[in-house]
């Protein structure tokens, strides 16, 4: 909203580029969780492709190019984006099952369940020739719930003195430097 107010346009692009940054950072952090290798690659693939789609959507908002807009929103966008979100949620489930304990696990179960319920609802709506965007667009906010869990998880690991062993999916006690 700030960007839209200052520049007069481009608010959508700013939102998409924020999603690019978030997806890219998450893609690089996926291996910090102890998940099976296939789940790690699923997480990397889905978040990486989401970053690419969000970047295309942001550029299409800035350039107002009709072809790019069709590719970014209709070609790669809504349909593929939905399946990538489902893949990311599957990775979240694997991370919860493989490595989580305590209060953050409960938060994660609630957060991922809410997001998965919205995704399932979005998959059923086309059977009645409807979509989530037209029926209940505010429900898409529940897709952000797993990120609340991931933030809580990152605080937990930080307070435990654990840091990731890069590229391995394992963690080790933090070494004071």
C-alpha atoms as a PDB file:
ATOM      1  CA  UNK A   1       0.000   0.000   0.000  1.00  0.00           C
ATOM      2  CA  UNK A   2       2.915   2.315   0.767  1.00  0.00           C
ATOM      3  CA  UNK A   3       4.449   1.694  -2.647  1.00  0.00           C
ATOM      4  CA  UNK A   4       1.086   2.193  -4.336  1.00  0.00           C
ATOM      5  CA  UNK A   5       0.591   5.479  -2.487  1.00  0.00           C
ATOM      6  CA  UNK A   6       4.049   6.817  -3.306  1.00  0.00           C
ATOM      7  CA  UNK A   7       4.300   5.703  -6.928  1.00  0.00           C
ATOM      8  CA  UNK A   8       0.628   5.831  -7.863  1.00  0.00           C
ATOM      9  CA  UNK A   9       0.803   2.288  -9.248  1.00  0.00           C
ATOM     10  CA  UNK A  10       2.827  -0.856  -8.849  1.00  0.00           C
ATOM     11  CA  UNK A  11       1.378  -2.093  -5.575  1.00  0.00           C
ATOM     12  CA  UNK A  12       0.697  -5.501  -7.116  1.00  0.00           C
ATOM     13  CA  UNK A  13       4.272  -5.658  -8.392  1.00  0.00           C
ATOM     14  CA  UNK A  14       5.633  -4.803  -4.941  1.00  0.00           C
ATOM     15  CA  UNK A  15       3.555  -7.597  -3.408  1.00  0.00           C
ATOM     16  CA  UNK A  16       4.772 -10.080  -6.023  1.00  0.00           C
ATOM     17  CA  UNK A  17       8.407  -9.103  -5.517  1.00  0.00           C
ATOM     18  CA  UNK A  18       7.933  -9.540  -1.765  1.00  0.00           C
ATOM     19  CA  UNK A  19       6.680 -13.058  -2.541  1.00  0.00           C
ATOM     20  CA  UNK A  20       9.753 -13.594  -4.744  1.00  0.00           C
ATOM     21  CA  UNK A  21      12.027 -12.645  -1.856  1.00  0.00           C
ATOM     22  CA  UNK A  22      10.127 -14.821   0.619  1.00  0.00           C
ATOM     23  CA  UNK A  23      10.006 -17.827  -1.707  1.00  0.00           C
ATOM     24  CA  UNK A  24      13.687 -17.480  -2.541  1.00  0.00           C
ATOM     25  CA  UNK A  25      14.705 -17.262   1.119  1.00  0.00           C
ATOM     26  CA  UNK A  26      12.532 -20.231   1.964  1.00  0.00           C
ATOM     27  CA  UNK A  27      14.004 -22.206  -0.932  1.00  0.00           C
ATOM     28  CA  UNK A  28      17.466 -21.654   0.499  1.00  0.00           C
ATOM     29  CA  UNK A  29      16.322 -22.679   4.000  1.00  0.00           C
ATOM     30  CA  UNK A  30      14.526 -25.907   3.040  1.00  0.00           C
ATOM     31  CA  UNK A  31      17.615 -28.028   3.668  1.00  0.00           C
ATOM     32  CA  UNK A  32      17.779 -26.745   7.266  1.00  0.00           C
ATOM     33  CA  UNK A  33      14.971 -29.177   8.131  1.00  0.00           C
ATOM     34  CA  UNK A  34      15.481 -32.901   8.648  1.00  0.00           C
ATOM     35  CA  UNK A  35      13.244 -34.299   5.948  1.00  0.00           C
ATOM     36  CA  UNK A  36      13.775 -37.217   3.578  1.00  0.00           C
ATOM     37  CA  UNK A  37      15.822 -36.220   0.543  1.00  0.00           C
ATOM     38  CA  UNK A  38      12.800 -36.444  -1.783  1.00  0.00           C
ATOM     39  CA  UNK A  39      10.893 -34.040   0.470  1.00  0.00           C
ATOM     40  CA  UNK A  40      13.859 -31.656   0.585  1.00  0.00           C
ATOM     41  CA  UNK A  41      13.958 -31.593  -3.210  1.00  0.00           C
ATOM     42  CA  UNK A  42      10.175 -31.194  -3.375  1.00  0.00           C
ATOM     43  CA  UNK A  43      10.420 -28.201  -1.047  1.00  0.00           C
ATOM     44  CA  UNK A  44      13.234 -26.656  -3.048  1.00  0.00           C
ATOM     45  CA  UNK A  45      11.489 -27.242  -6.367  1.00  0.00           C
ATOM     46  CA  UNK A  46       8.121 -25.868  -5.278  1.00  0.00           C
ATOM     47  CA  UNK A  47       9.455 -22.760  -3.538  1.00  0.00           C
ATOM     48  CA  UNK A  48      11.940 -22.083  -6.343  1.00  0.00           C
ATOM     49  CA  UNK A  49       9.275 -22.352  -9.042  1.00  0.00           C
ATOM     50  CA  UNK A  50       6.917 -20.187  -6.987  1.00  0.00           C
ATOM     51  CA  UNK A  51       9.648 -17.529  -6.862  1.00  0.00           C
ATOM     52  CA  UNK A  52       9.953 -17.669 -10.669  1.00  0.00           C
ATOM     53  CA  UNK A  53       6.183 -17.400 -11.166  1.00  0.00           C
ATOM     54  CA  UNK A  54       5.901 -14.507  -8.709  1.00  0.00           C
ATOM     55  CA  UNK A  55       8.781 -12.738 -10.493  1.00  0.00           C
ATOM     56  CA  UNK A  56       7.048 -13.124 -13.863  1.00  0.00           C
ATOM     57  CA  UNK A  57       3.813 -11.831 -12.373  1.00  0.00           C
ATOM     58  CA  UNK A  58       5.607  -8.837 -10.842  1.00  0.00           C
ATOM     59  CA  UNK A  59       7.357  -7.985 -14.109  1.00  0.00           C
ATOM     60  CA  UNK A  60       4.075  -8.333 -16.005  1.00  0.00           C
ATOM     61  CA  UNK A  61       2.471  -5.854 -13.573  1.00  0.00           C
ATOM     62  CA  UNK A  62       5.259  -3.355 -14.176  1.00  0.00           C
ATOM     63  CA  UNK A  63       5.465  -3.718 -17.955  1.00  0.00           C
ATOM     64  CA  UNK A  64       1.748  -4.223 -18.672  1.00  0.00           C
ATOM     65  CA  UNK A  65       2.742  -6.591 -21.485  1.00  0.00           C
ATOM     66  CA  UNK A  66      -0.325  -8.610 -22.552  1.00  0.00           C
ATOM     67  CA  UNK A  67       1.616 -11.709 -23.608  1.00  0.00           C
ATOM     68  CA  UNK A  68       3.692 -11.778 -20.424  1.00  0.00           C
ATOM     69  CA  UNK A  69       0.559 -11.250 -18.345  1.00  0.00           C
ATOM     70  CA  UNK A  70      -1.171 -14.213 -20.029  1.00  0.00           C
ATOM     71  CA  UNK A  71       1.875 -16.434 -19.522  1.00  0.00           C
ATOM     72  CA  UNK A  72       2.460 -15.332 -15.921  1.00  0.00           C
ATOM     73  CA  UNK A  73      -1.143 -15.541 -14.763  1.00  0.00           C
ATOM     74  CA  UNK A  74      -2.976 -17.959 -17.036  1.00  0.00           C
ATOM     75  CA  UNK A  75      -0.165 -20.149 -18.340  1.00  0.00           C
ATOM     76  CA  UNK A  76       2.006 -20.552 -15.262  1.00  0.00           C
ATOM     77  CA  UNK A  77      -0.056 -18.745 -12.681  1.00  0.00           C
ATOM     78  CA  UNK A  78      -3.186 -19.926 -10.980  1.00  0.00           C
ATOM     79  CA  UNK A  79      -3.233 -23.616 -11.971  1.00  0.00           C
ATOM     80  CA  UNK A  80       0.474 -24.429 -11.625  1.00  0.00           C
ATOM     81  CA  UNK A  81       0.764 -22.094  -8.652  1.00  0.00           C
ATOM     82  CA  UNK A  82      -1.954 -24.078  -6.865  1.00  0.00           C
ATOM     83  CA  UNK A  83      -0.157 -27.368  -7.392  1.00  0.00           C
ATOM     84  CA  UNK A  84       3.119 -25.854  -6.205  1.00  0.00           C
ATOM     85  CA  UNK A  85       1.394 -24.656  -3.031  1.00  0.00           C
ATOM     86  CA  UNK A  86       0.114 -28.216  -2.528  1.00  0.00           C
ATOM     87  CA  UNK A  87       3.678 -29.528  -2.956  1.00  0.00           C
ATOM     88  CA  UNK A  88       4.969 -26.982  -0.455  1.00  0.00           C
ATOM     89  CA  UNK A  89       2.267 -28.040   2.021  1.00  0.00           C
ATOM     90  CA  UNK A  90       3.337 -31.671   1.556  1.00  0.00           C
ATOM     91  CA  UNK A  91       6.896 -30.628   2.408  1.00  0.00           C
ATOM     92  CA  UNK A  92       5.532 -28.861   5.513  1.00  0.00           C
ATOM     93  CA  UNK A  93       3.806 -32.072   6.594  1.00  0.00           C
ATOM     94  CA  UNK A  94       7.033 -34.027   6.118  1.00  0.00           C
ATOM     95  CA  UNK A  95       8.969 -31.429   8.142  1.00  0.00           C
ATOM     96  CA  UNK A  96       6.371 -31.693  10.917  1.00  0.00           C
ATOM     97  CA  UNK A  97       6.484 -35.483  10.969  1.00  0.00           C
ATOM     98  CA  UNK A  98      10.241 -35.842  10.688  1.00  0.00           C
ATOM     99  CA  UNK A  99      11.693 -33.248  12.979  1.00  0.00           C
ATOM    100  CA  UNK A 100       9.261 -31.214  15.083  1.00  0.00           C
ATOM    101  CA  UNK A 101       8.420 -31.456  18.789  1.00  0.00           C
ATOM    102  CA  UNK A 102       6.470 -29.542  21.412  1.00  0.00           C
ATOM    103  CA  UNK A 103       4.462 -26.358  21.056  1.00  0.00           C
ATOM    104  CA  UNK A 104       5.834 -25.450  17.636  1.00  0.00           C
ATOM    105  CA  UNK A 105       4.711 -28.832  16.326  1.00  0.00           C
ATOM    106  CA  UNK A 106       1.161 -28.142  17.535  1.00  0.00           C
ATOM    107  CA  UNK A 107       1.282 -24.695  15.940  1.00  0.00           C
ATOM    108  CA  UNK A 108       2.603 -26.271  12.742  1.00  0.00           C
ATOM    109  CA  UNK A 109      -0.138 -28.894  12.660  1.00  0.00           C
ATOM    110  CA  UNK A 110      -2.809 -26.213  13.054  1.00  0.00           C
ATOM    111  CA  UNK A 111      -1.212 -23.864  10.517  1.00  0.00           C
ATOM    112  CA  UNK A 112      -0.609 -26.502   7.847  1.00  0.00           C
ATOM    113  CA  UNK A 113      -4.051 -28.043   8.400  1.00  0.00           C
ATOM    114  CA  UNK A 114      -5.753 -24.670   7.852  1.00  0.00           C
ATOM    115  CA  UNK A 115      -3.761 -24.006   4.684  1.00  0.00           C
ATOM    116  CA  UNK A 116      -4.405 -27.551   3.407  1.00  0.00           C
ATOM    117  CA  UNK A 117      -8.140 -27.193   4.084  1.00  0.00           C
ATOM    118  CA  UNK A 118      -8.232 -24.009   2.021  1.00  0.00           C
ATOM    119  CA  UNK A 119      -6.267 -25.721  -0.762  1.00  0.00           C
ATOM    120  CA  UNK A 120      -8.696 -28.668  -0.740  1.00  0.00           C
ATOM    121  CA  UNK A 121     -11.644 -26.257  -0.856  1.00  0.00           C
ATOM    122  CA  UNK A 122     -10.022 -24.475  -3.803  1.00  0.00           C
ATOM    123  CA  UNK A 123      -9.698 -27.810  -5.624  1.00  0.00           C
ATOM    124  CA  UNK A 124     -13.382 -28.676  -5.078  1.00  0.00           C
ATOM    125  CA  UNK A 125     -14.818 -25.296  -6.150  1.00  0.00           C
ATOM    126  CA  UNK A 126     -14.241 -25.807  -9.911  1.00  0.00           C
ATOM    127  CA  UNK A 127     -16.625 -28.761  -9.778  1.00  0.00           C
ATOM    128  CA  UNK A 128     -19.371 -26.145  -9.355  1.00  0.00           C
ATOM    129  CA  UNK A 129     -17.795 -23.773 -11.913  1.00  0.00           C
ATOM    130  CA  UNK A 130     -16.497 -21.522  -9.125  1.00  0.00           C
ATOM    131  CA  UNK A 131     -13.078 -20.476  -7.899  1.00  0.00           C
ATOM    132  CA  UNK A 132     -11.562 -19.404  -4.608  1.00  0.00           C
ATOM    133  CA  UNK A 133     -10.794 -15.995  -6.107  1.00  0.00           C
ATOM    134  CA  UNK A 134     -14.477 -15.324  -6.781  1.00  0.00           C
ATOM    135  CA  UNK A 135     -16.095 -17.250  -3.917  1.00  0.00           C
ATOM    136  CA  UNK A 136     -13.950 -16.396  -0.893  1.00  0.00           C
ATOM    137  CA  UNK A 137     -10.667 -14.649  -1.765  1.00  0.00           C
ATOM    138  CA  UNK A 138     -10.006 -13.770   1.879  1.00  0.00           C
ATOM    139  CA  UNK A 139      -9.483 -17.487   2.603  1.00  0.00           C
ATOM    140  CA  UNK A 140      -6.215 -17.235   0.648  1.00  0.00           C
ATOM    141  CA  UNK A 141      -4.780 -15.524   3.746  1.00  0.00           C
ATOM    142  CA  UNK A 142      -4.730 -18.951   5.389  1.00  0.00           C
ATOM    143  CA  UNK A 143      -1.985 -19.902   2.928  1.00  0.00           C
ATOM    144  CA  UNK A 144       0.259 -17.657   5.033  1.00  0.00           C
ATOM    145  CA  UNK A 145      -0.298 -19.706   8.210  1.00  0.00           C
ATOM    146  CA  UNK A 146       2.595 -22.142   7.569  1.00  0.00           C
ATOM    147  CA  UNK A 147       4.909 -19.135   7.526  1.00  0.00           C
ATOM    148  CA  UNK A 148       3.771 -18.231  11.039  1.00  0.00           C
ATOM    149  CA  UNK A 149       4.786 -21.737  12.080  1.00  0.00           C
ATOM    150  CA  UNK A 150       8.119 -21.455  10.242  1.00  0.00           C
ATOM    151  CA  UNK A 151       8.852 -18.163  12.018  1.00  0.00           C
ATOM    152  CA  UNK A 152       8.111 -19.781  15.369  1.00  0.00           C
ATOM    153  CA  UNK A 153      10.289 -22.726  14.390  1.00  0.00           C
ATOM    154  CA  UNK A 154      13.188 -20.460  13.463  1.00  0.00           C
ATOM    155  CA  UNK A 155      12.940 -18.698  16.839  1.00  0.00           C
ATOM    156  CA  UNK A 156      12.922 -22.069  18.578  1.00  0.00           C
ATOM    157  CA  UNK A 157      16.044 -23.300  16.805  1.00  0.00           C
ATOM    158  CA  UNK A 158      17.765 -19.995  17.477  1.00  0.00           C
ATOM    159  CA  UNK A 159      16.977 -20.148  21.201  1.00  0.00           C
ATOM    160  CA  UNK A 160      18.181 -23.751  21.419  1.00  0.00           C
ATOM    161  CA  UNK A 161      21.581 -22.796  20.051  1.00  0.00           C
ATOM    162  CA  UNK A 162      21.158 -24.958  16.967  1.00  0.00           C
ATOM    163  CA  UNK A 163      22.326 -23.958  13.558  1.00  0.00           C
ATOM    164  CA  UNK A 164      22.017 -25.797  10.258  1.00  0.00           C
ATOM    165  CA  UNK A 165      24.834 -27.734   8.659  1.00  0.00           C
ATOM    166  CA  UNK A 166      24.466 -26.204   5.216  1.00  0.00           C
ATOM    167  CA  UNK A 167      23.379 -28.452   2.405  1.00  0.00           C
ATOM    168  CA  UNK A 168      22.924 -31.547   4.555  1.00  0.00           C
ATOM    169  CA  UNK A 169      19.571 -31.053   6.185  1.00  0.00           C
ATOM    170  CA  UNK A 170      21.243 -31.731   9.527  1.00  0.00           C
ATOM    171  CA  UNK A 171      21.789 -29.410  12.462  1.00  0.00           C
ATOM    172  CA  UNK A 172      24.658 -29.051  14.869  1.00  0.00           C
ATOM    173  CA  UNK A 173      25.222 -27.184  18.150  1.00  0.00           C
ATOM    174  CA  UNK A 174      26.237 -23.603  17.518  1.00  0.00           C
ATOM    175  CA  UNK A 175      29.953 -22.933  17.891  1.00  0.00           C
ATOM    176  CA  UNK A 176      30.870 -19.610  19.514  1.00  0.00           C
ATOM    177  CA  UNK A 177      33.341 -17.837  17.323  1.00  0.00           C
END
